[in-house]
mmCIF file of all heavy atoms, coordinates in Angstrom:
data_MODEL
# 
_entry.id   MODEL 
# 
loop_
_atom_site.group_PDB 
_atom_site.id 
_atom_site.type_symbol 
_atom_site.label_atom_id 
_atom_site.label_alt_id 
_atom_site.label_comp_id 
_atom_site.label_asym_id 
_atom_site.label_entity_id 
_atom_site.label_seq_id 
_atom_site.pdbx_PDB_ins_code 
_atom_site.Cartn_x 
_atom_site.Cartn_y 
_atom_site.Cartn_z 
_atom_site.occupancy 
_atom_site.B_iso_or_equiv 
_atom_site.pdbx_formal_charge 
_atom_site.auth_seq_id 
_atom_site.auth_comp_id 
_atom_site.auth_asym_id 
_atom_site.auth_atom_id 
_atom_site.pdbx_PDB_model_num 
ATOM 1   N N   . MET A 1 1  ? 83.503  145.723 157.260 1.00 0.00 ? 1  MET A N   1 
ATOM 2   C CA  . MET A 1 1  ? 82.793  145.785 155.984 1.00 0.00 ? 1  MET A CA  1 
ATOM 3   C C   . MET A 1 1  ? 83.299  144.650 155.100 1.00 0.00 ? 1  MET A C   1 
ATOM 4   O O   . MET A 1 1  ? 84.506  144.511 154.901 1.00 0.00 ? 1  MET A O   1 
ATOM 5   C CB  . MET A 1 1  ? 83.058  147.128 155.303 1.00 0.00 ? 1  MET A CB  1 
ATOM 6   C CG  . MET A 1 1  ? 82.654  148.312 156.160 1.00 0.00 ? 1  MET A CG  1 
ATOM 7   S SD  . MET A 1 1  ? 83.506  149.854 155.691 1.00 0.00 ? 1  MET A SD  1 
ATOM 8   C CE  . MET A 1 1  ? 85.113  149.599 156.446 1.00 0.00 ? 1  MET A CE  1 
ATOM 9   N N   . VAL A 1 2  ? 82.372  143.854 154.592 1.00 0.00 ? 2  VAL A N   1 
ATOM 10  C CA  . VAL A 1 2  ? 82.724  142.739 153.717 1.00 0.00 ? 2  VAL A CA  1 
ATOM 11  C C   . VAL A 1 2  ? 82.030  142.959 152.380 1.00 0.00 ? 2  VAL A C   1 
ATOM 12  O O   . VAL A 1 2  ? 80.795  143.012 152.310 1.00 0.00 ? 2  VAL A O   1 
ATOM 13  C CB  . VAL A 1 2  ? 82.311  141.383 154.327 1.00 0.00 ? 2  VAL A CB  1 
ATOM 14  C CG1 . VAL A 1 2  ? 82.670  140.246 153.381 1.00 0.00 ? 2  VAL A CG1 1 
ATOM 15  C CG2 . VAL A 1 2  ? 82.951  141.191 155.695 1.00 0.00 ? 2  VAL A CG2 1 
ATOM 16  N N   . VAL A 1 3  ? 82.828  143.097 151.333 1.00 0.00 ? 3  VAL A N   1 
ATOM 17  C CA  . VAL A 1 3  ? 82.301  143.264 149.982 1.00 0.00 ? 3  VAL A CA  1 
ATOM 18  C C   . VAL A 1 3  ? 82.659  142.001 149.215 1.00 0.00 ? 3  VAL A C   1 
ATOM 19  O O   . VAL A 1 3  ? 83.841  141.735 148.960 1.00 0.00 ? 3  VAL A O   1 
ATOM 20  C CB  . VAL A 1 3  ? 82.877  144.519 149.298 1.00 0.00 ? 3  VAL A CB  1 
ATOM 21  C CG1 . VAL A 1 3  ? 82.320  144.666 147.889 1.00 0.00 ? 3  VAL A CG1 1 
ATOM 22  C CG2 . VAL A 1 3  ? 82.570  145.769 150.131 1.00 0.00 ? 3  VAL A CG2 1 
ATOM 23  N N   . ALA A 1 4  ? 81.645  141.214 148.893 1.00 0.00 ? 4  ALA A N   1 
ATOM 24  C CA  . ALA A 1 4  ? 81.849  139.941 148.204 1.00 0.00 ? 4  ALA A CA  1 
ATOM 25  C C   . ALA A 1 4  ? 81.193  140.000 146.836 1.00 0.00 ? 4  ALA A C   1 
ATOM 26  O O   . ALA A 1 4  ? 80.014  140.345 146.729 1.00 0.00 ? 4  ALA A O   1 
ATOM 27  C CB  . ALA A 1 4  ? 81.255  138.797 149.031 1.00 0.00 ? 4  ALA A CB  1 
ATOM 28  N N   . ASP A 1 5  ? 81.968  139.684 145.807 1.00 0.00 ? 5  ASP A N   1 
ATOM 29  C CA  . ASP A 1 5  ? 81.398  139.741 144.462 1.00 0.00 ? 5  ASP A CA  1 
ATOM 30  C C   . ASP A 1 5  ? 81.620  138.438 143.717 1.00 0.00 ? 5  ASP A C   1 
ATOM 31  O O   . ASP A 1 5  ? 82.449  137.617 144.082 1.00 0.00 ? 5  ASP A O   1 
ATOM 32  C CB  . ASP A 1 5  ? 81.971  140.922 143.671 1.00 0.00 ? 5  ASP A CB  1 
ATOM 33  C CG  . ASP A 1 5  ? 83.442  140.761 143.313 1.00 0.00 ? 5  ASP A CG  1 
ATOM 34  O OD1 . ASP A 1 5  ? 83.843  139.695 142.804 1.00 0.00 ? 5  ASP A OD1 1 
ATOM 35  O OD2 . ASP A 1 5  ? 84.203  141.727 143.512 1.00 0.00 ? 5  ASP A OD2 1 
ATOM 36  N N   . LYS A 1 6  ? 80.814  138.290 142.684 1.00 0.00 ? 6  LYS A N   1 
ATOM 37  C CA  . LYS A 1 6  ? 80.985  137.210 141.715 1.00 0.00 ? 6  LYS A CA  1 
ATOM 38  C C   . LYS A 1 6  ? 81.589  137.880 140.496 1.00 0.00 ? 6  LYS A C   1 
ATOM 39  O O   . LYS A 1 6  ? 80.999  138.815 139.952 1.00 0.00 ? 6  LYS A O   1 
ATOM 40  C CB  . LYS A 1 6  ? 79.651  136.577 141.369 1.00 0.00 ? 6  LYS A CB  1 
ATOM 41  C CG  . LYS A 1 6  ? 78.969  135.943 142.552 1.00 0.00 ? 6  LYS A CG  1 
ATOM 42  C CD  . LYS A 1 6  ? 77.584  135.455 142.175 1.00 0.00 ? 6  LYS A CD  1 
ATOM 43  C CE  . LYS A 1 6  ? 76.864  135.046 143.435 1.00 0.00 ? 6  LYS A CE  1 
ATOM 44  N NZ  . LYS A 1 6  ? 75.512  135.532 143.487 1.00 0.00 ? 6  LYS A NZ  1 
ATOM 45  N N   . GLY A 1 7  ? 82.748  137.421 140.101 1.00 0.00 ? 7  GLY A N   1 
ATOM 46  C CA  . GLY A 1 7  ? 83.371  138.109 138.981 1.00 0.00 ? 7  GLY A CA  1 
ATOM 47  C C   . GLY A 1 7  ? 84.648  137.456 138.536 1.00 0.00 ? 7  GLY A C   1 
ATOM 48  O O   . GLY A 1 7  ? 84.912  136.296 138.853 1.00 0.00 ? 7  GLY A O   1 
ATOM 49  N N   . PRO A 1 8  ? 85.470  138.251 137.853 1.00 0.00 ? 8  PRO A N   1 
ATOM 50  C CA  . PRO A 1 8  ? 86.680  137.692 137.271 1.00 0.00 ? 8  PRO A CA  1 
ATOM 51  C C   . PRO A 1 8  ? 87.776  137.390 138.283 1.00 0.00 ? 8  PRO A C   1 
ATOM 52  O O   . PRO A 1 8  ? 88.718  136.670 137.972 1.00 0.00 ? 8  PRO A O   1 
ATOM 53  C CB  . PRO A 1 8  ? 87.134  138.782 136.301 1.00 0.00 ? 8  PRO A CB  1 
ATOM 54  C CG  . PRO A 1 8  ? 86.607  140.042 136.889 1.00 0.00 ? 8  PRO A CG  1 
ATOM 55  C CD  . PRO A 1 8  ? 85.291  139.659 137.519 1.00 0.00 ? 8  PRO A CD  1 
ATOM 56  N N   . GLY A 1 9  ? 87.667  137.922 139.494 1.00 0.00 ? 9  GLY A N   1 
ATOM 57  C CA  . GLY A 1 9  ? 88.737  137.766 140.467 1.00 0.00 ? 9  GLY A CA  1 
ATOM 58  C C   . GLY A 1 9  ? 89.904  138.672 140.118 1.00 0.00 ? 9  GLY A C   1 
ATOM 59  O O   . GLY A 1 9  ? 89.896  139.369 139.107 1.00 0.00 ? 9  GLY A O   1 
ATOM 60  N N   . ILE A 1 10 ? 90.909  138.681 140.978 1.00 0.00 ? 10 ILE A N   1 
ATOM 61  C CA  . ILE A 1 10 ? 92.087  139.519 140.778 1.00 0.00 ? 10 ILE A CA  1 
ATOM 62  C C   . ILE A 1 10 ? 93.276  138.590 140.536 1.00 0.00 ? 10 ILE A C   1 
ATOM 63  O O   . ILE A 1 10 ? 93.725  137.908 141.453 1.00 0.00 ? 10 ILE A O   1 
ATOM 64  C CB  . ILE A 1 10 ? 92.342  140.408 142.010 1.00 0.00 ? 10 ILE A CB  1 
ATOM 65  C CG1 . ILE A 1 10 ? 91.114  141.275 142.327 1.00 0.00 ? 10 ILE A CG1 1 
ATOM 66  C CG2 . ILE A 1 10 ? 93.581  141.287 141.788 1.00 0.00 ? 10 ILE A CG2 1 
ATOM 67  C CD1 . ILE A 1 10 ? 91.202  142.002 143.657 1.00 0.00 ? 10 ILE A CD1 1 
ATOM 68  N N   . PRO A 1 11 ? 93.794  138.558 139.304 1.00 0.00 ? 11 PRO A N   1 
ATOM 69  C CA  . PRO A 1 11 ? 94.878  137.634 138.989 1.00 0.00 ? 11 PRO A CA  1 
ATOM 70  C C   . PRO A 1 11 ? 96.177  137.909 139.747 1.00 0.00 ? 11 PRO A C   1 
ATOM 71  O O   . PRO A 1 11 ? 96.929  136.990 140.056 1.00 0.00 ? 11 PRO A O   1 
ATOM 72  C CB  . PRO A 1 11 ? 95.106  137.805 137.489 1.00 0.00 ? 11 PRO A CB  1 
ATOM 73  C CG  . PRO A 1 11 ? 93.919  138.526 136.979 1.00 0.00 ? 11 PRO A CG  1 
ATOM 74  C CD  . PRO A 1 11 ? 93.311  139.263 138.125 1.00 0.00 ? 11 PRO A CD  1 
ATOM 75  N N   . ASN A 1 12 ? 96.463  139.196 140.041 1.00 0.00 ? 12 ASN A N   1 
ATOM 76  C CA  . ASN A 1 12 ? 97.718  139.550 140.685 1.00 0.00 ? 12 ASN A CA  1 
ATOM 77  C C   . ASN A 1 12 ? 97.444  140.660 141.708 1.00 0.00 ? 12 ASN A C   1 
ATOM 78  O O   . ASN A 1 12 ? 97.391  141.836 141.361 1.00 0.00 ? 12 ASN A O   1 
ATOM 79  C CB  . ASN A 1 12 ? 98.733  140.010 139.638 1.00 0.00 ? 12 ASN A CB  1 
ATOM 80  C CG  . ASN A 1 12 ? 100.103 140.268 140.223 1.00 0.00 ? 12 ASN A CG  1 
ATOM 81  O OD1 . ASN A 1 12 ? 100.248 140.642 141.391 1.00 0.00 ? 12 ASN A OD1 1 
ATOM 82  N ND2 . ASN A 1 12 ? 101.125 140.095 139.401 1.00 0.00 ? 12 ASN A ND2 1 
ATOM 83  N N   . ILE A 1 13 ? 97.276  140.281 142.973 1.00 0.00 ? 13 ILE A N   1 
ATOM 84  C CA  . ILE A 1 13 ? 96.932  141.259 144.011 1.00 0.00 ? 13 ILE A CA  1 
ATOM 85  C C   . ILE A 1 13 ? 98.053  142.277 144.196 1.00 0.00 ? 13 ILE A C   1 
ATOM 86  O O   . ILE A 1 13 ? 97.782  143.471 144.354 1.00 0.00 ? 13 ILE A O   1 
ATOM 87  C CB  . ILE A 1 13 ? 96.583  140.566 145.343 1.00 0.00 ? 13 ILE A CB  1 
ATOM 88  C CG1 . ILE A 1 13 ? 95.264  139.793 145.187 1.00 0.00 ? 13 ILE A CG1 1 
ATOM 89  C CG2 . ILE A 1 13 ? 96.466  141.581 146.479 1.00 0.00 ? 13 ILE A CG2 1 
ATOM 90  C CD1 . ILE A 1 13 ? 94.843  139.016 146.400 1.00 0.00 ? 13 ILE A CD1 1 
ATOM 91  N N   . ASP A 1 14 ? 99.299  141.848 144.150 1.00 0.00 ? 14 ASP A N   1 
ATOM 92  C CA  . ASP A 1 14 ? 100.405 142.796 144.318 1.00 0.00 ? 14 ASP A CA  1 
ATOM 93  C C   . ASP A 1 14 ? 100.362 143.885 143.251 1.00 0.00 ? 14 ASP A C   1 
ATOM 94  O O   . ASP A 1 14 ? 100.547 145.066 143.553 1.00 0.00 ? 14 ASP A O   1 
ATOM 95  C CB  . ASP A 1 14 ? 101.755 142.076 144.268 1.00 0.00 ? 14 ASP A CB  1 
ATOM 96  C CG  . ASP A 1 14 ? 101.994 141.203 145.488 1.00 0.00 ? 14 ASP A CG  1 
ATOM 97  O OD1 . ASP A 1 14 ? 101.418 141.501 146.559 1.00 0.00 ? 14 ASP A OD1 1 
ATOM 98  O OD2 . ASP A 1 14 ? 102.755 140.227 145.378 1.00 0.00 ? 14 ASP A OD2 1 
ATOM 99  N N   . LEU A 1 15 ? 100.105 143.513 142.030 1.00 0.00 ? 15 LEU A N   1 
ATOM 100 C CA  . LEU A 1 15 ? 99.998  144.483 140.942 1.00 0.00 ? 15 LEU A CA  1 
ATOM 101 C C   . LEU A 1 15 ? 98.775  145.378 141.143 1.00 0.00 ? 15 LEU A C   1 
ATOM 102 O O   . LEU A 1 15 ? 98.850  146.604 140.982 1.00 0.00 ? 15 LEU A O   1 
ATOM 103 C CB  . LEU A 1 15 ? 99.916  143.753 139.595 1.00 0.00 ? 15 LEU A CB  1 
ATOM 104 C CG  . LEU A 1 15 ? 99.990  144.599 138.333 1.00 0.00 ? 15 LEU A CG  1 
ATOM 105 C CD1 . LEU A 1 15 ? 101.277 145.405 138.291 1.00 0.00 ? 15 LEU A CD1 1 
ATOM 106 C CD2 . LEU A 1 15 ? 99.901  143.690 137.103 1.00 0.00 ? 15 LEU A CD2 1 
ATOM 107 N N   . ALA A 1 16 ? 97.650  144.790 141.530 1.00 0.00 ? 16 ALA A N   1 
ATOM 108 C CA  . ALA A 1 16 ? 96.417  145.558 141.738 1.00 0.00 ? 16 ALA A CA  1 
ATOM 109 C C   . ALA A 1 16 ? 96.543  146.551 142.887 1.00 0.00 ? 16 ALA A C   1 
ATOM 110 O O   . ALA A 1 16 ? 95.842  147.567 142.904 1.00 0.00 ? 16 ALA A O   1 
ATOM 111 C CB  . ALA A 1 16 ? 95.252  144.608 141.999 1.00 0.00 ? 16 ALA A CB  1 
ATOM 112 N N   . MET A 1 17 ? 97.455  146.306 143.823 1.00 0.00 ? 17 MET A N   1 
ATOM 113 C CA  . MET A 1 17 ? 97.658  147.210 144.958 1.00 0.00 ? 17 MET A CA  1 
ATOM 114 C C   . MET A 1 17 ? 98.540  148.407 144.602 1.00 0.00 ? 17 MET A C   1 
ATOM 115 O O   . MET A 1 17 ? 98.668  149.338 145.385 1.00 0.00 ? 17 MET A O   1 
ATOM 116 C CB  . MET A 1 17 ? 98.278  146.456 146.138 1.00 0.00 ? 17 MET A CB  1 
ATOM 117 C CG  . MET A 1 17 ? 97.356  145.439 146.787 1.00 0.00 ? 17 MET A CG  1 
ATOM 118 S SD  . MET A 1 17 ? 95.830  146.123 147.457 1.00 0.00 ? 17 MET A SD  1 
ATOM 119 C CE  . MET A 1 17 ? 96.461  147.094 148.805 1.00 0.00 ? 17 MET A CE  1 
ATOM 120 N N   . GLN A 1 18 ? 99.114  148.415 143.414 1.00 0.00 ? 18 GLN A N   1 
ATOM 121 C CA  . GLN A 1 18 ? 99.967  149.523 142.999 1.00 0.00 ? 18 GLN A CA  1 
ATOM 122 C C   . GLN A 1 18 ? 99.118  150.699 142.521 1.00 0.00 ? 18 GLN A C   1 
ATOM 123 O O   . GLN A 1 18 ? 98.209  150.514 141.700 1.00 0.00 ? 18 GLN A O   1 
ATOM 124 C CB  . GLN A 1 18 ? 100.908 149.089 141.882 1.00 0.00 ? 18 GLN A CB  1 
ATOM 125 C CG  . GLN A 1 18 ? 101.936 148.079 142.319 1.00 0.00 ? 18 GLN A CG  1 
ATOM 126 C CD  . GLN A 1 18 ? 102.869 147.673 141.189 1.00 0.00 ? 18 GLN A CD  1 
ATOM 127 O OE1 . GLN A 1 18 ? 102.975 148.354 140.173 1.00 0.00 ? 18 GLN A OE1 1 
ATOM 128 N NE2 . GLN A 1 18 ? 103.535 146.545 141.366 1.00 0.00 ? 18 GLN A NE2 1 
ATOM 129 N N   . GLU A 1 19 ? 99.425  151.885 143.038 1.00 0.00 ? 19 GLU A N   1 
ATOM 130 C CA  . GLU A 1 19 ? 98.696  153.082 142.618 1.00 0.00 ? 19 GLU A CA  1 
ATOM 131 C C   . GLU A 1 19 ? 98.834  153.266 141.114 1.00 0.00 ? 19 GLU A C   1 
ATOM 132 O O   . GLU A 1 19 ? 99.925  153.186 140.560 1.00 0.00 ? 19 GLU A O   1 
ATOM 133 C CB  . GLU A 1 19 ? 99.224  154.313 143.353 1.00 0.00 ? 19 GLU A CB  1 
ATOM 134 C CG  . GLU A 1 19 ? 98.868  154.313 144.816 1.00 0.00 ? 19 GLU A CG  1 
ATOM 135 C CD  . GLU A 1 19 ? 99.278  155.594 145.525 1.00 0.00 ? 19 GLU A CD  1 
ATOM 136 O OE1 . GLU A 1 19 ? 99.657  156.575 144.861 1.00 0.00 ? 19 GLU A OE1 1 
ATOM 137 O OE2 . GLU A 1 19 ? 99.203  155.601 146.765 1.00 0.00 ? 19 GLU A OE2 1 
ATOM 138 N N   . GLY A 1 20 ? 97.708  153.493 140.466 1.00 0.00 ? 20 GLY A N   1 
ATOM 139 C CA  . GLY A 1 20 ? 97.695  153.740 139.032 1.00 0.00 ? 20 GLY A CA  1 
ATOM 140 C C   . GLY A 1 20 ? 97.432  152.514 138.182 1.00 0.00 ? 20 GLY A C   1 
ATOM 141 O O   . GLY A 1 20 ? 97.101  152.645 137.002 1.00 0.00 ? 20 GLY A O   1 
ATOM 142 N N   . TYR A 1 21 ? 97.550  151.319 138.745 1.00 0.00 ? 21 TYR A N   1 
ATOM 143 C CA  . TYR A 1 21 ? 97.283  150.113 137.969 1.00 0.00 ? 21 TYR A CA  1 
ATOM 144 C C   . TYR A 1 21 ? 95.774  149.903 137.893 1.00 0.00 ? 21 TYR A C   1 
ATOM 145 O O   . TYR A 1 21 ? 95.080  149.950 138.902 1.00 0.00 ? 21 TYR A O   1 
ATOM 146 C CB  . TYR A 1 21 ? 97.932  148.881 138.590 1.00 0.00 ? 21 TYR A CB  1 
ATOM 147 C CG  . TYR A 1 21 ? 97.604  147.617 137.834 1.00 0.00 ? 21 TYR A CG  1 
ATOM 148 C CD1 . TYR A 1 21 ? 98.264  147.314 136.659 1.00 0.00 ? 21 TYR A CD1 1 
ATOM 149 C CD2 . TYR A 1 21 ? 96.587  146.770 138.269 1.00 0.00 ? 21 TYR A CD2 1 
ATOM 150 C CE1 . TYR A 1 21 ? 97.942  146.167 135.937 1.00 0.00 ? 21 TYR A CE1 1 
ATOM 151 C CE2 . TYR A 1 21 ? 96.254  145.633 137.556 1.00 0.00 ? 21 TYR A CE2 1 
ATOM 152 C CZ  . TYR A 1 21 ? 96.931  145.334 136.393 1.00 0.00 ? 21 TYR A CZ  1 
ATOM 153 O OH  . TYR A 1 21 ? 96.593  144.215 135.674 1.00 0.00 ? 21 TYR A OH  1 
ATOM 154 N N   . SER A 1 22 ? 95.264  149.693 136.691 1.00 0.00 ? 22 SER A N   1 
ATOM 155 C CA  . SER A 1 22 ? 93.821  149.522 136.527 1.00 0.00 ? 22 SER A CA  1 
ATOM 156 C C   . SER A 1 22 ? 93.515  148.585 135.376 1.00 0.00 ? 22 SER A C   1 
ATOM 157 O O   . SER A 1 22 ? 94.204  148.593 134.358 1.00 0.00 ? 22 SER A O   1 
ATOM 158 C CB  . SER A 1 22 ? 93.169  150.885 136.249 1.00 0.00 ? 22 SER A CB  1 
ATOM 159 O OG  . SER A 1 22 ? 91.781  150.725 136.035 1.00 0.00 ? 22 SER A OG  1 
ATOM 160 N N   . THR A 1 23 ? 92.468  147.804 135.564 1.00 0.00 ? 23 THR A N   1 
ATOM 161 C CA  . THR A 1 23 ? 91.948  146.961 134.485 1.00 0.00 ? 23 THR A CA  1 
ATOM 162 C C   . THR A 1 23 ? 90.562  147.433 134.061 1.00 0.00 ? 23 THR A C   1 
ATOM 163 O O   . THR A 1 23 ? 89.836  146.709 133.389 1.00 0.00 ? 23 THR A O   1 
ATOM 164 C CB  . THR A 1 23 ? 91.879  145.480 134.919 1.00 0.00 ? 23 THR A CB  1 
ATOM 165 O OG1 . THR A 1 23 ? 91.021  145.381 136.071 1.00 0.00 ? 23 THR A OG1 1 
ATOM 166 C CG2 . THR A 1 23 ? 93.261  144.925 135.248 1.00 0.00 ? 23 THR A CG2 1 
ATOM 167 N N   . ALA A 1 24 ? 90.211  148.655 134.446 1.00 0.00 ? 24 ALA A N   1 
ATOM 168 C CA  . ALA A 1 24 ? 88.888  149.194 134.119 1.00 0.00 ? 24 ALA A CA  1 
ATOM 169 C C   . ALA A 1 24 ? 88.715  149.348 132.617 1.00 0.00 ? 24 ALA A C   1 
ATOM 170 O O   . ALA A 1 24 ? 89.661  149.668 131.894 1.00 0.00 ? 24 ALA A O   1 
ATOM 171 C CB  . ALA A 1 24 ? 88.689  150.544 134.805 1.00 0.00 ? 24 ALA A CB  1 
ATOM 172 N N   . SER A 1 25 ? 87.494  149.138 132.188 1.00 0.00 ? 25 SER A N   1 
ATOM 173 C CA  . SER A 1 25 ? 87.179  149.271 130.766 1.00 0.00 ? 25 SER A CA  1 
ATOM 174 C C   . SER A 1 25 ? 87.204  150.749 130.356 1.00 0.00 ? 25 SER A C   1 
ATOM 175 O O   . SER A 1 25 ? 87.086  151.645 131.206 1.00 0.00 ? 25 SER A O   1 
ATOM 176 C CB  . SER A 1 25 ? 85.785  148.699 130.488 1.00 0.00 ? 25 SER A CB  1 
ATOM 177 O OG  . SER A 1 25 ? 84.801  149.544 131.077 1.00 0.00 ? 25 SER A OG  1 
ATOM 178 N N   . PRO A 1 26 ? 87.315  151.015 129.067 1.00 0.00 ? 26 PRO A N   1 
ATOM 179 C CA  . PRO A 1 26 ? 87.262  152.409 128.606 1.00 0.00 ? 26 PRO A CA  1 
ATOM 180 C C   . PRO A 1 26 ? 85.960  153.117 129.022 1.00 0.00 ? 26 PRO A C   1 
ATOM 181 O O   . PRO A 1 26 ? 85.978  154.298 129.354 1.00 0.00 ? 26 PRO A O   1 
ATOM 182 C CB  . PRO A 1 26 ? 87.354  152.283 127.080 1.00 0.00 ? 26 PRO A CB  1 
ATOM 183 C CG  . PRO A 1 26 ? 88.092  150.997 126.852 1.00 0.00 ? 26 PRO A CG  1 
ATOM 184 C CD  . PRO A 1 26 ? 87.642  150.094 127.970 1.00 0.00 ? 26 PRO A CD  1 
ATOM 185 N N   . GLN A 1 27 ? 84.845  152.383 129.043 1.00 0.00 ? 27 GLN A N   1 
ATOM 186 C CA  . GLN A 1 27 ? 83.570  152.979 129.443 1.00 0.00 ? 27 GLN A CA  1 
ATOM 187 C C   . GLN A 1 27 ? 83.601  153.421 130.903 1.00 0.00 ? 27 GLN A C   1 
ATOM 188 O O   . GLN A 1 27 ? 83.097  154.491 131.246 1.00 0.00 ? 27 GLN A O   1 
ATOM 189 C CB  . GLN A 1 27 ? 82.407  151.992 129.232 1.00 0.00 ? 27 GLN A CB  1 
ATOM 190 C CG  . GLN A 1 27 ? 82.154  151.626 127.782 1.00 0.00 ? 27 GLN A CG  1 
ATOM 191 C CD  . GLN A 1 27 ? 83.058  150.494 127.281 1.00 0.00 ? 27 GLN A CD  1 
ATOM 192 O OE1 . GLN A 1 27 ? 83.911  149.963 127.988 1.00 0.00 ? 27 GLN A OE1 1 
ATOM 193 N NE2 . GLN A 1 27 ? 82.898  150.152 126.011 1.00 0.00 ? 27 GLN A NE2 1 
ATOM 194 N N   . VAL A 1 28 ? 84.187  152.597 131.767 1.00 0.00 ? 28 VAL A N   1 
ATOM 195 C CA  . VAL A 1 28 ? 84.297  152.947 133.184 1.00 0.00 ? 28 VAL A CA  1 
ATOM 196 C C   . VAL A 1 28 ? 85.207  154.157 133.349 1.00 0.00 ? 28 VAL A C   1 
ATOM 197 O O   . VAL A 1 28 ? 84.907  155.076 134.111 1.00 0.00 ? 28 VAL A O   1 
ATOM 198 C CB  . VAL A 1 28 ? 84.805  151.737 134.003 1.00 0.00 ? 28 VAL A CB  1 
ATOM 199 C CG1 . VAL A 1 28 ? 85.163  152.143 135.424 1.00 0.00 ? 28 VAL A CG1 1 
ATOM 200 C CG2 . VAL A 1 28 ? 83.752  150.633 134.005 1.00 0.00 ? 28 VAL A CG2 1 
# 
């Protein structure tokens, strides 16, 4: 499965892989 998006990218993959870390907006 390949999910390819156009977007902001992930500045820090190690941080994004940590459980509980999120950059989701309040609406999301």
